[in-house]
Amino acid sequence: MGDVPTSPDRVATLRRLHQGPEPLVLPNCWDAATAKVVVDAGFPVVATSSAAVAESLGWADHEQAPADEMLAAAARIARAVDVPVTADVESGYGLAADDLAARLVEASVAGFNLEDTDHTTHALTDVDAQVARLRALRAAFDGAGVPLVMNARVDSFVRSRDHAAVLDDGIARARAYVDAGADCVYPITLADASMIERFVRALAPAPVNVLLTRAAPDVATLRELGVRRVSLGGGMYRAVTRFVGDVASGLRTGDTAALFGPA
């Protein structure tokens, strides 16, 4: 891979923060400006949201944006802040493991999310194929001396309304991904407290990442359930765009309360 732009210290910091006394909370951003806002608010890590980055660049989510644009955005964010950055790279944009690993290191990120959805077929990736990909990525990073933090997303739940029916499949996938070298697993959209608790216990001691939504428990409850990482996904992007919409709508009618606050 040649020179190693990714800082090993930032990788070590990101990994350590998955084991701290409090969950690692990630208000996912989409550009250098929002990354700086997150850092200024006191957060020790910046995470990106693929949906937010893609939409801010004029593309749809689910790998509709070119890999070059998504990785360039991650690199701009990593360059703009002095904390670890973990990038959402969806399913890896069809890049071979060695190529994806090299480009993540070149972007100076300390970690990344990888989905187990095939965006060509819109189906779950075969477990064995995903395990092989994770192993190849881990070998590439270890060979470069920069063991990026791999957060393996488990999409069993986002693809089914009956989370109880797919809980065993999600746990089996997550265990396989941890065995393949993933540092953290992410059962995205799993929101029921009892199922989250079962998932966390089944994966212990591996850290589990939960998406914070209206349906999910709050951060304090997730901490009690043993969750080690909490993501907002596209939540902050949607909140900001709603605010922009409110400001724009008010300006059309001469109401500047959303922009300046009440008089």
C-alpha atoms as a PDB file:
ATOM      1  CA  MET A   1       0.000   0.000   0.000  1.00  0.00           C
ATOM      2  CA  GLY A   2       2.984   2.319   0.110  1.00  0.00           C
ATOM      3  CA  ASP A   3       2.873   5.225   2.550  1.00  0.00           C
ATOM      4  CA  VAL A   4       0.238   5.009   5.285  1.00  0.00           C
ATOM      5  CA  PRO A   5      -1.748   8.256   5.619  1.00  0.00           C
ATOM      6  CA  THR A   6      -4.048   6.765   8.281  1.00  0.00           C
ATOM      7  CA  SER A   7      -2.732   7.520  11.764  1.00  0.00           C
ATOM      8  CA  PRO A   8      -2.192   4.343  13.825  1.00  0.00           C
ATOM      9  CA  ASP A   9      -2.836   6.455  16.928  1.00  0.00           C
ATOM     10  CA  ARG A  10      -6.293   7.399  15.688  1.00  0.00           C
ATOM     11  CA  VAL A  11      -7.047   3.751  14.914  1.00  0.00           C
ATOM     12  CA  ALA A  12      -5.994   2.785  18.444  1.00  0.00           C
ATOM     13  CA  THR A  13      -8.124   5.591  19.906  1.00  0.00           C
ATOM     14  CA  LEU A  14     -11.199   4.518  17.952  1.00  0.00           C
ATOM     15  CA  ARG A  15     -10.773   0.901  19.038  1.00  0.00           C
ATOM     16  CA  ARG A  16     -10.278   1.903  22.685  1.00  0.00           C
ATOM     17  CA  LEU A  17     -13.436   4.036  22.679  1.00  0.00           C
ATOM     18  CA  HIS A  18     -15.490   0.905  21.929  1.00  0.00           C
ATOM     19  CA  GLN A  19     -14.437  -0.401  25.350  1.00  0.00           C
ATOM     20  CA  GLY A  20     -14.999   2.705  27.472  1.00  0.00           C
ATOM     21  CA  PRO A  21     -17.393   3.150  30.384  1.00  0.00           C
ATOM     22  CA  GLU A  22     -19.945   4.912  28.154  1.00  0.00           C
ATOM     23  CA  PRO A  23     -21.241   3.976  24.683  1.00  0.00           C
ATOM     24  CA  LEU A  24     -19.499   5.668  21.775  1.00  0.00           C
ATOM     25  CA  VAL A  25     -22.207   8.006  20.420  1.00  0.00           C
ATOM     26  CA  LEU A  26     -21.844   9.029  16.787  1.00  0.00           C
ATOM     27  CA  PRO A  27     -23.905  11.938  15.354  1.00  0.00           C
ATOM     28  CA  ASN A  28     -23.104  11.038  11.737  1.00  0.00           C
ATOM     29  CA  CYS A  29     -22.019  13.927   9.501  1.00  0.00           C
ATOM     30  CA  TRP A  30     -21.631  14.430   5.751  1.00  0.00           C
ATOM     31  CA  ASP A  31     -18.975  17.081   5.084  1.00  0.00           C
ATOM     32  CA  ALA A  32     -16.053  18.921   6.664  1.00  0.00           C
ATOM     33  CA  ALA A  33     -18.277  21.664   8.120  1.00  0.00           C
ATOM     34  CA  THR A  34     -20.610  19.270   9.945  1.00  0.00           C
ATOM     35  CA  ALA A  35     -17.624  17.183  11.084  1.00  0.00           C
ATOM     36  CA  LYS A  36     -16.141  20.278  12.735  1.00  0.00           C
ATOM     37  CA  VAL A  37     -19.472  21.005  14.431  1.00  0.00           C
ATOM     38  CA  VAL A  38     -19.501  17.471  15.877  1.00  0.00           C
ATOM     39  CA  VAL A  39     -15.944  17.852  17.196  1.00  0.00           C
ATOM     40  CA  ASP A  40     -16.653  21.309  18.608  1.00  0.00           C
ATOM     41  CA  ALA A  41     -19.614  19.801  20.480  1.00  0.00           C
ATOM     42  CA  GLY A  42     -17.163  17.518  22.289  1.00  0.00           C
ATOM     43  CA  PHE A  43     -17.501  14.215  20.458  1.00  0.00           C
ATOM     44  CA  PRO A  44     -14.241  12.212  20.261  1.00  0.00           C
ATOM     45  CA  VAL A  45     -14.992  10.542  16.912  1.00  0.00           C
ATOM     46  CA  VAL A  46     -16.561  11.632  13.624  1.00  0.00           C
ATOM     47  CA  ALA A  47     -18.658   9.147  11.660  1.00  0.00           C
ATOM     48  CA  THR A  48     -20.111   9.604   8.210  1.00  0.00           C
ATOM     49  CA  SER A  49     -23.547   8.571   6.954  1.00  0.00           C
ATOM     50  CA  SER A  50     -23.598   7.128   3.439  1.00  0.00           C
ATOM     51  CA  ALA A  51     -27.123   8.413   2.845  1.00  0.00           C
ATOM     52  CA  ALA A  52     -26.235  11.907   3.997  1.00  0.00           C
ATOM     53  CA  VAL A  53     -22.969  12.058   2.056  1.00  0.00           C
ATOM     54  CA  ALA A  54     -24.562  10.726  -1.116  1.00  0.00           C
ATOM     55  CA  GLU A  55     -27.558  13.076  -0.956  1.00  0.00           C
ATOM     56  CA  SER A  56     -25.349  16.071  -0.183  1.00  0.00           C
ATOM     57  CA  LEU A  57     -23.413  15.233  -3.351  1.00  0.00           C
ATOM     58  CA  GLY A  58     -26.561  14.942  -5.456  1.00  0.00           C
ATOM     59  CA  TRP A  59     -26.904  11.150  -5.480  1.00  0.00           C
ATOM     60  CA  ALA A  60     -29.215   8.607  -3.884  1.00  0.00           C
ATOM     61  CA  ASP A  61     -28.153   6.215  -1.135  1.00  0.00           C
ATOM     62  CA  HIS A  62     -27.466   2.491  -1.714  1.00  0.00           C
ATOM     63  CA  GLU A  63     -24.328   2.862  -3.825  1.00  0.00           C
ATOM     64  CA  GLN A  64     -25.819   5.194  -6.415  1.00  0.00           C
ATOM     65  CA  ALA A  65     -22.946   7.631  -5.793  1.00  0.00           C
ATOM     66  CA  PRO A  66     -19.574   6.870  -7.415  1.00  0.00           C
ATOM     67  CA  ALA A  67     -16.976   5.372  -5.085  1.00  0.00           C
ATOM     68  CA  ASP A  68     -14.518   8.132  -5.983  1.00  0.00           C
ATOM     69  CA  GLU A  69     -16.889  10.830  -4.754  1.00  0.00           C
ATOM     70  CA  MET A  70     -17.795   9.011  -1.542  1.00  0.00           C
ATOM     71  CA  LEU A  71     -14.191   8.248  -0.634  1.00  0.00           C
ATOM     72  CA  ALA A  72     -13.098  11.772  -1.519  1.00  0.00           C
ATOM     73  CA  ALA A  73     -15.731  13.116   0.872  1.00  0.00           C
ATOM     74  CA  ALA A  74     -14.416  10.836   3.627  1.00  0.00           C
ATOM     75  CA  ALA A  75     -10.880  12.076   2.962  1.00  0.00           C
ATOM     76  CA  ARG A  76     -11.962  15.731   3.165  1.00  0.00           C
ATOM     77  CA  ILE A  77     -13.642  15.059   6.498  1.00  0.00           C
ATOM     78  CA  ALA A  78     -10.603  13.207   7.892  1.00  0.00           C
ATOM     79  CA  ARG A  79      -8.361  16.077   6.797  1.00  0.00           C
ATOM     80  CA  ALA A  80     -10.602  18.670   8.470  1.00  0.00           C
ATOM     81  CA  VAL A  81     -10.638  17.247  12.017  1.00  0.00           C
ATOM     82  CA  ASP A  82      -8.097  16.043  14.561  1.00  0.00           C
ATOM     83  CA  VAL A  83     -10.092  13.040  15.820  1.00  0.00           C
ATOM     84  CA  PRO A  84     -10.617   9.551  14.347  1.00  0.00           C
ATOM     85  CA  VAL A  85     -13.054   9.295  11.449  1.00  0.00           C
ATOM     86  CA  THR A  86     -15.054   6.177  10.686  1.00  0.00           C
ATOM     87  CA  ALA A  87     -16.553   6.079   7.196  1.00  0.00           C
ATOM     88  CA  ASP A  88     -19.747   4.435   5.995  1.00  0.00           C
ATOM     89  CA  VAL A  89     -18.728   2.760   2.731  1.00  0.00           C
ATOM     90  CA  GLU A  90     -21.967   0.833   2.179  1.00  0.00           C
ATOM     91  CA  SER A  91     -21.061  -2.554   0.640  1.00  0.00           C
ATOM     92  CA  GLY A  92     -17.716  -1.368  -0.691  1.00  0.00           C
ATOM     93  CA  TYR A  93     -18.826  -0.157  -4.138  1.00  0.00           C
ATOM     94  CA  GLY A  94     -17.812  -3.389  -5.832  1.00  0.00           C
ATOM     95  CA  LEU A  95     -14.137  -2.771  -5.086  1.00  0.00           C
ATOM     96  CA  ALA A  96     -11.873  -5.729  -4.436  1.00  0.00           C
ATOM     97  CA  ALA A  97     -10.829  -6.063  -0.799  1.00  0.00           C
ATOM     98  CA  ASP A  98      -7.220  -4.986  -1.401  1.00  0.00           C
ATOM     99  CA  ASP A  99      -8.345  -1.954  -3.416  1.00  0.00           C
ATOM    100  CA  LEU A 100     -10.965  -0.916  -0.848  1.00  0.00           C
ATOM    101  CA  ALA A 101      -8.464  -1.299   1.996  1.00  0.00           C
ATOM    102  CA  ALA A 102      -5.835   0.763   0.193  1.00  0.00           C
ATOM    103  CA  ARG A 103      -8.308   3.526  -0.595  1.00  0.00           C
ATOM    104  CA  LEU A 104      -9.587   3.699   2.977  1.00  0.00           C
ATOM    105  CA  VAL A 105      -6.031   4.018   4.271  1.00  0.00           C
ATOM    106  CA  GLU A 106      -5.343   6.668   1.632  1.00  0.00           C
ATOM    107  CA  ALA A 107      -8.441   8.562   2.830  1.00  0.00           C
ATOM    108  CA  SER A 108      -6.911   8.658   6.345  1.00  0.00           C
ATOM    109  CA  VAL A 109      -9.934   7.107   8.063  1.00  0.00           C
ATOM    110  CA  ALA A 110      -9.545   5.033  11.219  1.00  0.00           C
ATOM    111  CA  GLY A 111     -12.523   2.751  10.687  1.00  0.00           C
ATOM    112  CA  PHE A 112     -15.454   1.946   8.436  1.00  0.00           C
ATOM    113  CA  ASN A 113     -18.896   0.322   8.198  1.00  0.00           C
ATOM    114  CA  LEU A 114     -19.447  -2.491   5.700  1.00  0.00           C
ATOM    115  CA  GLU A 115     -22.959  -3.719   4.857  1.00  0.00           C
ATOM    116  CA  ASP A 116     -23.937  -7.276   3.994  1.00  0.00           C
ATOM    117  CA  THR A 117     -26.425  -6.168   1.335  1.00  0.00           C
ATOM    118  CA  ASP A 118     -25.679  -6.755  -2.341  1.00  0.00           C
ATOM    119  CA  HIS A 119     -26.864  -3.562  -4.009  1.00  0.00           C
ATOM    120  CA  THR A 120     -26.881  -5.227  -7.431  1.00  0.00           C
ATOM    121  CA  THR A 121     -29.396  -7.905  -6.444  1.00  0.00           C
ATOM    122  CA  HIS A 122     -30.910  -5.964  -3.499  1.00  0.00           C
ATOM    123  CA  ALA A 123     -30.574  -9.125  -1.392  1.00  0.00           C
ATOM    124  CA  LEU A 124     -28.521 -10.139   1.606  1.00  0.00           C
ATOM    125  CA  THR A 125     -25.010 -11.175   0.698  1.00  0.00           C
ATOM    126  CA  ASP A 126     -24.211 -14.842   1.220  1.00  0.00           C
ATOM    127  CA  VAL A 127     -22.679 -15.237   4.678  1.00  0.00           C
ATOM    128  CA  ASP A 128     -19.654 -17.180   3.441  1.00  0.00           C
ATOM    129  CA  ALA A 129     -18.951 -14.543   0.786  1.00  0.00           C
ATOM    130  CA  GLN A 130     -19.157 -11.734   3.354  1.00  0.00           C
ATOM    131  CA  VAL A 131     -16.916 -13.645   5.750  1.00  0.00           C
ATOM    132  CA  ALA A 132     -14.330 -14.089   3.004  1.00  0.00           C
ATOM    133  CA  ARG A 133     -14.479 -10.361   2.211  1.00  0.00           C
ATOM    134  CA  LEU A 134     -14.027  -9.372   5.851  1.00  0.00           C
ATOM    135  CA  ARG A 135     -11.096 -11.755   6.223  1.00  0.00           C
ATOM    136  CA  ALA A 136      -9.451 -10.337   3.105  1.00  0.00           C
ATOM    137  CA  LEU A 137      -9.909  -6.794   4.393  1.00  0.00           C
ATOM    138  CA  ARG A 138      -8.500  -7.685   7.795  1.00  0.00           C
ATOM    139  CA  ALA A 139      -5.470  -9.312   6.177  1.00  0.00           C
ATOM    140  CA  ALA A 140      -4.899  -6.252   3.980  1.00  0.00           C
ATOM    141  CA  PHE A 141      -5.025  -3.835   6.915  1.00  0.00           C
ATOM    142  CA  ASP A 142      -2.872  -6.011   9.138  1.00  0.00           C
ATOM    143  CA  GLY A 143      -0.351  -6.383   6.336  1.00  0.00           C
ATOM    144  CA  ALA A 144      -0.164  -2.601   6.044  1.00  0.00           C
ATOM    145  CA  GLY A 145       0.309  -2.208   9.783  1.00  0.00           C
ATOM    146  CA  VAL A 146      -2.877  -0.163  10.147  1.00  0.00           C
ATOM    147  CA  PRO A 147      -5.643  -2.394  11.564  1.00  0.00           C
ATOM    148  CA  LEU A 148      -8.653  -0.191  10.771  1.00  0.00           C
ATOM    149  CA  VAL A 149     -11.703  -0.736  12.987  1.00  0.00           C
ATOM    150  CA  MET A 150     -14.221  -2.785  10.999  1.00  0.00           C
ATOM    151  CA  ASN A 151     -17.894  -2.346  11.900  1.00  0.00           C
ATOM    152  CA  ALA A 152     -19.779  -5.157  10.154  1.00  0.00           C
ATOM    153  CA  ARG A 153     -23.374  -4.190   9.459  1.00  0.00           C
ATOM    154  CA  VAL A 154     -25.958  -6.962   9.748  1.00  0.00           C
ATOM    155  CA  ASP A 155     -28.869  -6.208   7.429  1.00  0.00           C
ATOM    156  CA  SER A 156     -31.176  -9.063   8.450  1.00  0.00           C
ATOM    157  CA  PHE A 157     -33.364  -6.628  10.395  1.00  0.00           C
ATOM    158  CA  VAL A 158     -33.555  -3.779   7.897  1.00  0.00           C
ATOM    159  CA  ARG A 159     -34.890  -6.286   5.354  1.00  0.00           C
ATOM    160  CA  SER A 160     -37.660  -7.750   7.547  1.00  0.00           C
ATOM    161  CA  ARG A 161     -40.521  -6.235   9.499  1.00  0.00           C
ATOM    162  CA  ASP A 162     -40.579  -9.287  11.782  1.00  0.00           C
ATOM    163  CA  HIS A 163     -37.356  -8.834  13.721  1.00  0.00           C
ATOM    164  CA  ALA A 164     -38.076 -11.762  16.027  1.00  0.00           C
ATOM    165  CA  ALA A 165     -38.223 -14.074  13.025  1.00  0.00           C
ATOM    166  CA  VAL A 166     -34.754 -13.063  11.811  1.00  0.00           C
ATOM    167  CA  LEU A 167     -33.050 -12.587  15.186  1.00  0.00           C
ATOM    168  CA  ASP A 168     -31.284 -15.958  15.081  1.00  0.00           C
ATOM    169  CA  ASP A 169     -30.060 -15.287  11.533  1.00  0.00           C
ATOM    170  CA  GLY A 170     -28.783 -11.869  12.570  1.00  0.00           C
ATOM    171  CA  ILE A 171     -26.916 -13.313  15.538  1.00  0.00           C
ATOM    172  CA  ALA A 172     -25.395 -16.079  13.420  1.00  0.00           C
ATOM    173  CA  ARG A 173     -24.232 -13.578  10.817  1.00  0.00           C
ATOM    174  CA  ALA A 174     -22.765 -11.294  13.463  1.00  0.00           C
ATOM    175  CA  ARG A 175     -20.848 -14.139  15.118  1.00  0.00           C
ATOM    176  CA  ALA A 176     -19.432 -15.189  11.756  1.00  0.00           C
ATOM    177  CA  TYR A 177     -18.327 -11.622  11.041  1.00  0.00           C
ATOM    178  CA  VAL A 178     -16.595 -11.283  14.404  1.00  0.00           C
ATOM    179  CA  ASP A 179     -14.818 -14.585  13.794  1.00  0.00           C
ATOM    180  CA  ALA A 180     -13.716 -13.172  10.415  1.00  0.00           C
ATOM    181  CA  GLY A 181     -12.074 -10.150  12.060  1.00  0.00           C
ATOM    182  CA  ALA A 182     -14.832  -7.559  12.527  1.00  0.00           C
ATOM    183  CA  ASP A 183     -14.262  -5.352  15.588  1.00  0.00           C
ATOM    184  CA  CYS A 184     -17.910  -4.385  16.040  1.00  0.00           C
ATOM    185  CA  VAL A 185     -21.259  -5.541  14.645  1.00  0.00           C
ATOM    186  CA  TYR A 186     -24.190  -3.354  13.673  1.00  0.00           C
ATOM    187  CA  PRO A 187     -27.703  -4.911  13.601  1.00  0.00           C
ATOM    188  CA  ILE A 188     -29.168  -1.845  11.939  1.00  0.00           C
ATOM    189  CA  THR A 189     -32.826  -1.004  12.771  1.00  0.00           C
ATOM    190  CA  LEU A 190     -33.020  -3.580  15.590  1.00  0.00           C
ATOM    191  CA  ALA A 191     -34.937  -1.495  18.150  1.00  0.00           C
ATOM    192  CA  ASP A 192     -36.744  -3.763  20.614  1.00  0.00           C
ATOM    193  CA  ALA A 193     -34.987  -3.638  23.992  1.00  0.00           C
ATOM    194  CA  SER A 194     -35.353  -7.328  24.766  1.00  0.00           C
ATOM    195  CA  MET A 195     -34.015  -8.355  21.352  1.00  0.00           C
ATOM    196  CA  ILE A 196     -31.140  -5.879  21.600  1.00  0.00           C
ATOM    197  CA  GLU A 197     -30.251  -7.353  24.987  1.00  0.00           C
ATOM    198  CA  ARG A 198     -30.325 -10.890  23.576  1.00  0.00           C
ATOM    199  CA  PHE A 199     -28.186  -9.830  20.633  1.00  0.00           C
ATOM    200  CA  VAL A 200     -25.633  -8.115  22.870  1.00  0.00           C
ATOM    201  CA  ARG A 201     -25.373 -11.134  25.171  1.00  0.00           C
ATOM    202  CA  ALA A 202     -24.967 -13.516  22.244  1.00  0.00           C
ATOM    203  CA  LEU A 203     -22.100 -11.445  20.812  1.00  0.00           C
ATOM    204  CA  ALA A 204     -20.281 -10.646  24.068  1.00  0.00           C
ATOM    205  CA  PRO A 205     -17.585  -9.514  24.424  1.00  0.00           C
ATOM    206  CA  ALA A 206     -17.696  -8.064  20.880  1.00  0.00           C
ATOM    207  CA  PRO A 207     -19.081  -4.476  20.809  1.00  0.00           C
ATOM    208  CA  VAL A 208     -22.547  -3.984  19.339  1.00  0.00           C
ATOM    209  CA  ASN A 209     -23.660  -0.843  17.482  1.00  0.00           C
ATOM    210  CA  VAL A 210     -27.336   0.227  17.582  1.00  0.00           C
ATOM    211  CA  LEU A 211     -29.070   2.827  15.404  1.00  0.00           C
ATOM    212  CA  LEU A 212     -30.756   5.517  17.493  1.00  0.00           C
ATOM    213  CA  THR A 213     -34.288   6.006  16.153  1.00  0.00           C
ATOM    214  CA  ARG A 214     -37.649   7.081  17.527  1.00  0.00           C
ATOM    215  CA  ALA A 215     -38.467   3.389  18.061  1.00  0.00           C
ATOM    216  CA  ALA A 216     -35.198   2.497  19.809  1.00  0.00           C
ATOM    217  CA  PRO A 217     -34.415   2.879  23.531  1.00  0.00           C
ATOM    218  CA  ASP A 218     -32.622   6.066  24.584  1.00  0.00           C
ATOM    219  CA  VAL A 219     -28.864   6.165  25.050  1.00  0.00           C
ATOM    220  CA  ALA A 220     -29.049   5.601  28.814  1.00  0.00           C
ATOM    221  CA  THR A 221     -31.145   2.469  28.318  1.00  0.00           C
ATOM    222  CA  LEU A 222     -28.886   1.216  25.525  1.00  0.00           C
ATOM    223  CA  ARG A 223     -25.963   1.593  27.918  1.00  0.00           C
ATOM    224  CA  GLU A 224     -27.788  -0.573  30.466  1.00  0.00           C
ATOM    225  CA  LEU A 225     -28.394  -3.168  27.750  1.00  0.00           C
ATOM    226  CA  GLY A 226     -24.654  -3.348  27.105  1.00  0.00           C
ATOM    227  CA  VAL A 227     -24.582  -1.516  23.766  1.00  0.00           C
ATOM    228  CA  ARG A 228     -21.108  -0.097  23.116  1.00  0.00           C
ATOM    229  CA  ARG A 229     -21.747   2.122  20.073  1.00  0.00           C
ATOM    230  CA  VAL A 230     -24.751   4.256  19.095  1.00  0.00           C
ATOM    231  CA  SER A 231     -25.190   5.773  15.628  1.00  0.00           C
ATOM    232  CA  LEU A 232     -27.622   8.375  14.359  1.00  0.00           C
ATOM    233  CA  GLY A 233     -27.266   7.287  10.729  1.00  0.00           C
ATOM    234  CA  GLY A 234     -28.976   9.859   8.544  1.00  0.00           C
ATOM    235  CA  GLY A 235     -30.879  11.307  11.503  1.00  0.00           C
ATOM    236  CA  MET A 236     -28.841  14.479  11.892  1.00  0.00           C
ATOM    237  CA  TYR A 237     -28.921  15.121   8.136  1.00  0.00           C
ATOM    238  CA  ARG A 238     -32.711  14.818   8.120  1.00  0.00           C
ATOM    239  CA  ALA A 239     -32.988  17.168  11.124  1.00  0.00           C
ATOM    240  CA  VAL A 240     -30.818  19.777   9.400  1.00  0.00           C
ATOM    241  CA  THR A 241     -32.703  19.562   6.102  1.00  0.00           C
ATOM    242  CA  ARG A 242     -36.020  19.898   7.976  1.00  0.00           C
ATOM    243  CA  PHE A 243     -34.664  23.068   9.600  1.00  0.00           C
ATOM    244  CA  VAL A 244     -33.586  24.438   6.210  1.00  0.00           C
ATOM    245  CA  GLY A 245     -37.057  23.670   4.887  1.00  0.00           C
ATOM    246  CA  ASP A 246     -38.640  25.533   7.800  1.00  0.00           C
ATOM    247  CA  VAL A 247     -36.401  28.558   7.196  1.00  0.00           C
ATOM    248  CA  ALA A 248     -37.129  28.567   3.462  1.00  0.00           C
ATOM    249  CA  SER A 249     -40.886  28.213   3.989  1.00  0.00           C
ATOM    250  CA  GLY A 250     -40.864  31.035   6.536  1.00  0.00           C
ATOM    251  CA  LEU A 251     -38.956  33.356   4.241  1.00  0.00           C
ATOM    252  CA  ARG A 252     -41.600  32.926   1.553  1.00  0.00           C
ATOM    253  CA  THR A 253     -44.213  34.305   3.943  1.00  0.00           C
ATOM    254  CA  GLY A 254     -41.995  36.863   5.674  1.00  0.00           C
ATOM    255  CA  ASP A 255     -41.689  34.774   8.858  1.00  0.00           C
ATOM    256  CA  THR A 256     -38.061  34.758  10.016  1.00  0.00           C
ATOM    257  CA  ALA A 257     -38.699  33.019  13.371  1.00  0.00           C
ATOM    258  CA  ALA A 258     -37.079  29.770  12.193  1.00  0.00           C
ATOM    259  CA  LEU A 259     -34.000  31.683  11.076  1.00  0.00           C
ATOM    260  CA  PHE A 260     -33.547  34.185  13.914  1.00  0.00           C
ATOM    261  CA  GLY A 261     -35.633  32.647  16.678  1.00  0.00           C
ATOM    262  CA  PRO A 262     -38.702  34.282  18.276  1.00  0.00           C
ATOM    263  CA  ALA A 263     -38.595  38.043  18.738  1.00  0.00           C
END
